[in-house]
Amino acid sequence: MVKHGISLVEAARRLGVSQSQLYLALQKGQIATFRTDGRSVISSGALRDYQTRNRPQSTYRL
């Protein structure tokens, strides 16, 4: 079974954050990674989960 993932550089670009901010989130365990071919990658599902958890909350009230 071959696992494909998103590179850390690409993940930072998709999230719209710097690589430093992404590495901090990784160190805090906020985004799960796995290793493949000797490099760390992020699954698209883990990236989506992180985006959902960190979506800005609207302050708009009816």
PDB file of N, CA and C in Angstrom:
ATOM      1  N   MET A   1       0.851  -1.182   0.000  1.00  0.00           N
ATOM      2  CA  MET A   1       0.000   0.000   0.000  1.00  0.00           C
ATOM      3  C   MET A   1       0.896   1.244   0.000  1.00  0.00           C
ATOM      4  N   VAL A   2       0.686   2.108  -0.958  1.00  0.00           N
ATOM      5  CA  VAL A   2       1.467   3.327  -1.073  1.00  0.00           C
ATOM      6  C   VAL A   2       0.652   4.485  -0.531  1.00  0.00           C
ATOM      7  N   LYS A   3       1.232   5.197   0.414  1.00  0.00           N
ATOM      8  CA  LYS A   3       0.553   6.375   0.967  1.00  0.00           C
ATOM      9  C   LYS A   3       1.064   7.607   0.254  1.00  0.00           C
ATOM     10  N   HIS A   4       0.168   8.432  -0.210  1.00  0.00           N
ATOM     11  CA  HIS A   4       0.548   9.691  -0.823  1.00  0.00           C
ATOM     12  C   HIS A   4       0.141  10.802   0.118  1.00  0.00           C
ATOM     13  N   GLY A   5       0.909  11.838   0.125  1.00  0.00           N
ATOM     14  CA  GLY A   5       0.595  12.958   0.997  1.00  0.00           C
ATOM     15  C   GLY A   5       1.017  14.265   0.373  1.00  0.00           C
ATOM     16  N   ILE A   6       0.795  15.320   1.114  1.00  0.00           N
ATOM     17  CA  ILE A   6       1.099  16.677   0.683  1.00  0.00           C
ATOM     18  C   ILE A   6       2.394  17.095   1.367  1.00  0.00           C
ATOM     19  N   SER A   7       3.320  17.658   0.595  1.00  0.00           N
ATOM     20  CA  SER A   7       4.573  18.116   1.187  1.00  0.00           C
ATOM     21  C   SER A   7       4.293  19.238   2.180  1.00  0.00           C
ATOM     22  N   LEU A   8       5.219  19.446   3.093  1.00  0.00           N
ATOM     23  CA  LEU A   8       5.041  20.489   4.094  1.00  0.00           C
ATOM     24  C   LEU A   8       5.021  21.871   3.447  1.00  0.00           C
ATOM     25  N   VAL A   9       5.817  22.059   2.405  1.00  0.00           N
ATOM     26  CA  VAL A   9       5.825  23.340   1.690  1.00  0.00           C
ATOM     27  C   VAL A   9       4.464  23.593   1.044  1.00  0.00           C
ATOM     28  N   GLU A  10       3.916  22.569   0.397  1.00  0.00           N
ATOM     29  CA  GLU A  10       2.610  22.699  -0.253  1.00  0.00           C
ATOM     30  C   GLU A  10       1.509  22.898   0.785  1.00  0.00           C
ATOM     31  N   ALA A  11       1.601  22.206   1.918  1.00  0.00           N
ATOM     32  CA  ALA A  11       0.596  22.360   2.975  1.00  0.00           C
ATOM     33  C   ALA A  11       0.584  23.791   3.500  1.00  0.00           C
ATOM     34  N   ALA A  12       1.754  24.377   3.707  1.00  0.00           N
ATOM     35  CA  ALA A  12       1.828  25.770   4.175  1.00  0.00           C
ATOM     36  C   ALA A  12       1.181  26.700   3.154  1.00  0.00           C
ATOM     37  N   ARG A  13       1.443  26.449   1.867  1.00  0.00           N
ATOM     38  CA  ARG A  13       0.848  27.272   0.818  1.00  0.00           C
ATOM     39  C   ARG A  13      -0.674  27.156   0.819  1.00  0.00           C
ATOM     40  N   ARG A  14      -1.184  25.932   0.929  1.00  0.00           N
ATOM     41  CA  ARG A  14      -2.642  25.722   0.931  1.00  0.00           C
ATOM     42  C   ARG A  14      -3.316  26.361   2.136  1.00  0.00           C
ATOM     43  N   LEU A  15      -2.624  26.365   3.271  1.00  0.00           N
ATOM     44  CA  LEU A  15      -3.183  26.965   4.477  1.00  0.00           C
ATOM     45  C   LEU A  15      -3.029  28.485   4.493  1.00  0.00           C
ATOM     46  N   GLY A  16      -2.147  28.994   3.650  1.00  0.00           N
ATOM     47  CA  GLY A  16      -1.911  30.432   3.626  1.00  0.00           C
ATOM     48  C   GLY A  16      -1.102  30.910   4.825  1.00  0.00           C
ATOM     49  N   VAL A  17      -0.196  30.047   5.298  1.00  0.00           N
ATOM     50  CA  VAL A  17       0.654  30.390   6.440  1.00  0.00           C
ATOM     51  C   VAL A  17       2.108  30.213   6.034  1.00  0.00           C
ATOM     52  N   SER A  18       3.001  30.765   6.830  1.00  0.00           N
ATOM     53  CA  SER A  18       4.427  30.572   6.572  1.00  0.00           C
ATOM     54  C   SER A  18       4.814  29.146   6.974  1.00  0.00           C
ATOM     55  N   GLN A  19       5.951  28.715   6.471  1.00  0.00           N
ATOM     56  CA  GLN A  19       6.437  27.384   6.839  1.00  0.00           C
ATOM     57  C   GLN A  19       6.738  27.322   8.329  1.00  0.00           C
ATOM     58  N   SER A  20       7.199  28.425   8.897  1.00  0.00           N
ATOM     59  CA  SER A  20       7.479  28.468  10.340  1.00  0.00           C
ATOM     60  C   SER A  20       6.206  28.230  11.144  1.00  0.00           C
ATOM     61  N   GLN A  21       5.102  28.861  10.718  1.00  0.00           N
ATOM     62  CA  GLN A  21       3.828  28.669  11.415  1.00  0.00           C
ATOM     63  C   GLN A  21       3.361  27.222  11.288  1.00  0.00           C
ATOM     64  N   LEU A  22       3.565  26.637  10.123  1.00  0.00           N
ATOM     65  CA  LEU A  22       3.184  25.241   9.927  1.00  0.00           C
ATOM     66  C   LEU A  22       4.008  24.333  10.830  1.00  0.00           C
ATOM     67  N   TYR A  23       5.317  24.556  10.896  1.00  0.00           N
ATOM     68  CA  TYR A  23       6.173  23.726  11.746  1.00  0.00           C
ATOM     69  C   TYR A  23       5.777  23.840  13.218  1.00  0.00           C
ATOM     70  N   LEU A  24       5.373  25.017  13.648  1.00  0.00           N
ATOM     71  CA  LEU A  24       4.904  25.175  15.031  1.00  0.00           C
ATOM     72  C   LEU A  24       3.655  24.329  15.273  1.00  0.00           C
ATOM     73  N   ALA A  25       2.726  24.352  14.326  1.00  0.00           N
ATOM     74  CA  ALA A  25       1.510  23.536  14.457  1.00  0.00           C
ATOM     75  C   ALA A  25       1.863  22.051  14.488  1.00  0.00           C
ATOM     76  N   LEU A  26       2.849  21.649  13.697  1.00  0.00           N
ATOM     77  CA  LEU A  26       3.278  20.248  13.694  1.00  0.00           C
ATOM     78  C   LEU A  26       3.894  19.869  15.031  1.00  0.00           C
ATOM     79  N   GLN A  27       4.744  20.750  15.579  1.00  0.00           N
ATOM     80  CA  GLN A  27       5.384  20.484  16.862  1.00  0.00           C
ATOM     81  C   GLN A  27       4.366  20.377  17.987  1.00  0.00           C
ATOM     82  N   LYS A  28       3.291  21.159  17.909  1.00  0.00           N
ATOM     83  CA  LYS A  28       2.246  21.134  18.934  1.00  0.00           C
ATOM     84  C   LYS A  28       1.313  19.931  18.754  1.00  0.00           C
ATOM     85  N   GLY A  29       1.486  19.186  17.668  1.00  0.00           N
ATOM     86  CA  GLY A  29       0.641  18.017  17.419  1.00  0.00           C
ATOM     87  C   GLY A  29      -0.724  18.367  16.870  1.00  0.00           C
ATOM     88  N   GLN A  30      -0.866  19.564  16.310  1.00  0.00           N
ATOM     89  CA  GLN A  30      -2.154  19.999  15.784  1.00  0.00           C
ATOM     90  C   GLN A  30      -2.448  19.396  14.412  1.00  0.00           C
ATOM     91  N   ILE A  31      -1.400  18.950  13.715  1.00  0.00           N
ATOM     92  CA  ILE A  31      -1.555  18.330  12.399  1.00  0.00           C
ATOM     93  C   ILE A  31      -0.755  17.034  12.413  1.00  0.00           C
ATOM     94  N   ALA A  32      -1.395  15.953  12.028  1.00  0.00           N
ATOM     95  CA  ALA A  32      -0.726  14.654  11.988  1.00  0.00           C
ATOM     96  C   ALA A  32       0.087  14.522  10.701  1.00  0.00           C
ATOM     97  N   THR A  33       1.279  13.970  10.830  1.00  0.00           N
ATOM     98  CA  THR A  33       2.128  13.713   9.666  1.00  0.00           C
ATOM     99  C   THR A  33       2.507  12.243   9.643  1.00  0.00           C
ATOM    100  N   PHE A  34       3.016  11.804   8.506  1.00  0.00           N
ATOM    101  CA  PHE A  34       3.599  10.478   8.412  1.00  0.00           C
ATOM    102  C   PHE A  34       4.815  10.574   7.497  1.00  0.00           C
ATOM    103  N   ARG A  35       5.671   9.578   7.573  1.00  0.00           N
ATOM    104  CA  ARG A  35       6.892   9.591   6.761  1.00  0.00           C
ATOM    105  C   ARG A  35       6.734   8.624   5.595  1.00  0.00           C
ATOM    106  N   THR A  36       7.159   9.088   4.441  1.00  0.00           N
ATOM    107  CA  THR A  36       7.166   8.244   3.253  1.00  0.00           C
ATOM    108  C   THR A  36       8.394   8.614   2.434  1.00  0.00           C
ATOM    109  N   ASP A  37       9.094   7.630   1.983  1.00  0.00           N
ATOM    110  CA  ASP A  37      10.329   7.846   1.219  1.00  0.00           C
ATOM    111  C   ASP A  37      11.295   8.767   1.943  1.00  0.00           C
ATOM    112  N   GLY A  38      11.341   8.687   3.270  1.00  0.00           N
ATOM    113  CA  GLY A  38      12.285   9.460   4.052  1.00  0.00           C
ATOM    114  C   GLY A  38      11.914  10.917   4.275  1.00  0.00           C
ATOM    115  N   ARG A  39      10.689  11.301   3.968  1.00  0.00           N
ATOM    116  CA  ARG A  39      10.274  12.689   4.200  1.00  0.00           C
ATOM    117  C   ARG A  39       8.924  12.730   4.896  1.00  0.00           C
ATOM    118  N   SER A  40       8.694  13.799   5.625  1.00  0.00           N
ATOM    119  CA  SER A  40       7.425  13.972   6.328  1.00  0.00           C
ATOM    120  C   SER A  40       6.404  14.584   5.377  1.00  0.00           C
ATOM    121  N   VAL A  41       5.220  14.028   5.388  1.00  0.00           N
ATOM    122  CA  VAL A  41       4.127  14.545   4.570  1.00  0.00           C
ATOM    123  C   VAL A  41       2.856  14.564   5.405  1.00  0.00           C
ATOM    124  N   ILE A  42       1.874  15.280   4.914  1.00  0.00           N
ATOM    125  CA  ILE A  42       0.588  15.418   5.592  1.00  0.00           C
ATOM    126  C   ILE A  42      -0.480  14.852   4.679  1.00  0.00           C
ATOM    127  N   SER A  43      -1.386  14.065   5.232  1.00  0.00           N
ATOM    128  CA  SER A  43      -2.486  13.555   4.414  1.00  0.00           C
ATOM    129  C   SER A  43      -3.472  14.686   4.155  1.00  0.00           C
ATOM    130  N   SER A  44      -4.180  14.597   3.050  1.00  0.00           N
ATOM    131  CA  SER A  44      -5.147  15.647   2.732  1.00  0.00           C
ATOM    132  C   SER A  44      -6.253  15.687   3.785  1.00  0.00           C
ATOM    133  N   GLY A  45      -6.596  14.540   4.354  1.00  0.00           N
ATOM    134  CA  GLY A  45      -7.611  14.495   5.402  1.00  0.00           C
ATOM    135  C   GLY A  45      -7.169  15.225   6.658  1.00  0.00           C
ATOM    136  N   ALA A  46      -5.908  15.044   7.045  1.00  0.00           N
ATOM    137  CA  ALA A  46      -5.377  15.733   8.233  1.00  0.00           C
ATOM    138  C   ALA A  46      -5.345  17.235   8.005  1.00  0.00           C
ATOM    139  N   LEU A  47      -5.030  17.650   6.781  1.00  0.00           N
ATOM    140  CA  LEU A  47      -4.999  19.077   6.460  1.00  0.00           C
ATOM    141  C   LEU A  47      -6.406  19.673   6.524  1.00  0.00           C
ATOM    142  N   ARG A  48      -7.385  18.942   5.986  1.00  0.00           N
ATOM    143  CA  ARG A  48      -8.794  19.387   6.039  1.00  0.00           C
ATOM    144  C   ARG A  48      -9.285  19.488   7.476  1.00  0.00           C
ATOM    145  N   ASP A  49      -8.941  18.499   8.294  1.00  0.00           N
ATOM    146  CA  ASP A  49      -9.356  18.512   9.703  1.00  0.00           C
ATOM    147  C   ASP A  49      -8.794  19.737  10.419  1.00  0.00           C
ATOM    148  N   TYR A  50      -7.522  20.038  10.170  1.00  0.00           N
ATOM    149  CA  TYR A  50      -6.891  21.199  10.794  1.00  0.00           C
ATOM    150  C   TYR A  50      -7.581  22.489  10.341  1.00  0.00           C
ATOM    151  N   GLN A  51      -7.881  22.586   9.044  1.00  0.00           N
ATOM    152  CA  GLN A  51      -8.560  23.780   8.525  1.00  0.00           C
ATOM    153  C   GLN A  51      -9.923  23.948   9.172  1.00  0.00           C
ATOM    154  N   THR A  52     -10.642  22.861   9.350  1.00  0.00           N
ATOM    155  CA  THR A  52     -11.970  22.920   9.965  1.00  0.00           C
ATOM    156  C   THR A  52     -11.881  23.361  11.415  1.00  0.00           C
ATOM    157  N   ARG A  53     -10.934  22.810  12.164  1.00  0.00           N
ATOM    158  CA  ARG A  53     -10.774  23.165  13.571  1.00  0.00           C
ATOM    159  C   ARG A  53     -10.330  24.607  13.764  1.00  0.00           C
ATOM    160  N   ASN A  54      -9.595  25.151  12.807  1.00  0.00           N
ATOM    161  CA  ASN A  54      -9.023  26.487  12.951  1.00  0.00           C
ATOM    162  C   ASN A  54      -9.697  27.534  12.086  1.00  0.00           C
ATOM    163  N   ARG A  55     -10.897  27.227  11.628  1.00  0.00           N
ATOM    164  CA  ARG A  55     -11.661  28.182  10.835  1.00  0.00           C
ATOM    165  C   ARG A  55     -12.064  29.331  11.744  1.00  0.00           C
ATOM    166  N   PRO A  56     -11.855  30.563  11.297  1.00  0.00           N
ATOM    167  CA  PRO A  56     -12.240  31.716  12.141  1.00  0.00           C
ATOM    168  C   PRO A  56     -13.740  31.685  12.448  1.00  0.00           C
ATOM    169  N   GLN A  57     -14.059  31.968  13.676  1.00  0.00           N
ATOM    170  CA  GLN A  57     -15.452  32.021  14.080  1.00  0.00           C
ATOM    171  C   GLN A  57     -16.023  33.393  13.737  1.00  0.00           C
ATOM    172  N   SER A  58     -17.188  33.405  13.179  1.00  0.00           N
ATOM    173  CA  SER A  58     -17.840  34.667  12.826  1.00  0.00           C
ATOM    174  C   SER A  58     -18.362  35.337  14.086  1.00  0.00           C
ATOM    175  N   THR A  59     -18.217  36.640  14.144  1.00  0.00           N
ATOM    176  CA  THR A  59     -18.770  37.398  15.260  1.00  0.00           C
ATOM    177  C   THR A  59     -20.124  37.986  14.903  1.00  0.00           C
ATOM    178  N   TYR A  60     -20.610  37.652  13.707  1.00  0.00           N
ATOM    179  CA  TYR A  60     -21.891  38.159  13.259  1.00  0.00           C
ATOM    180  C   TYR A  60     -23.034  37.504  14.035  1.00  0.00           C
ATOM    181  N   ARG A  61     -23.930  38.293  14.538  1.00  0.00           N
ATOM    182  CA  ARG A  61     -25.091  37.781  15.284  1.00  0.00           C
ATOM    183  C   ARG A  61     -26.357  38.347  14.679  1.00  0.00           C
ATOM    184  N   LEU A  62     -27.374  37.544  14.652  1.00  0.00           N
ATOM    185  CA  LEU A  62     -28.684  38.002  14.179  1.00  0.00           C
ATOM    186  C   LEU A  62     -29.456  38.657  15.277  1.00  0.00           C
TER     187      LEU A  62
END
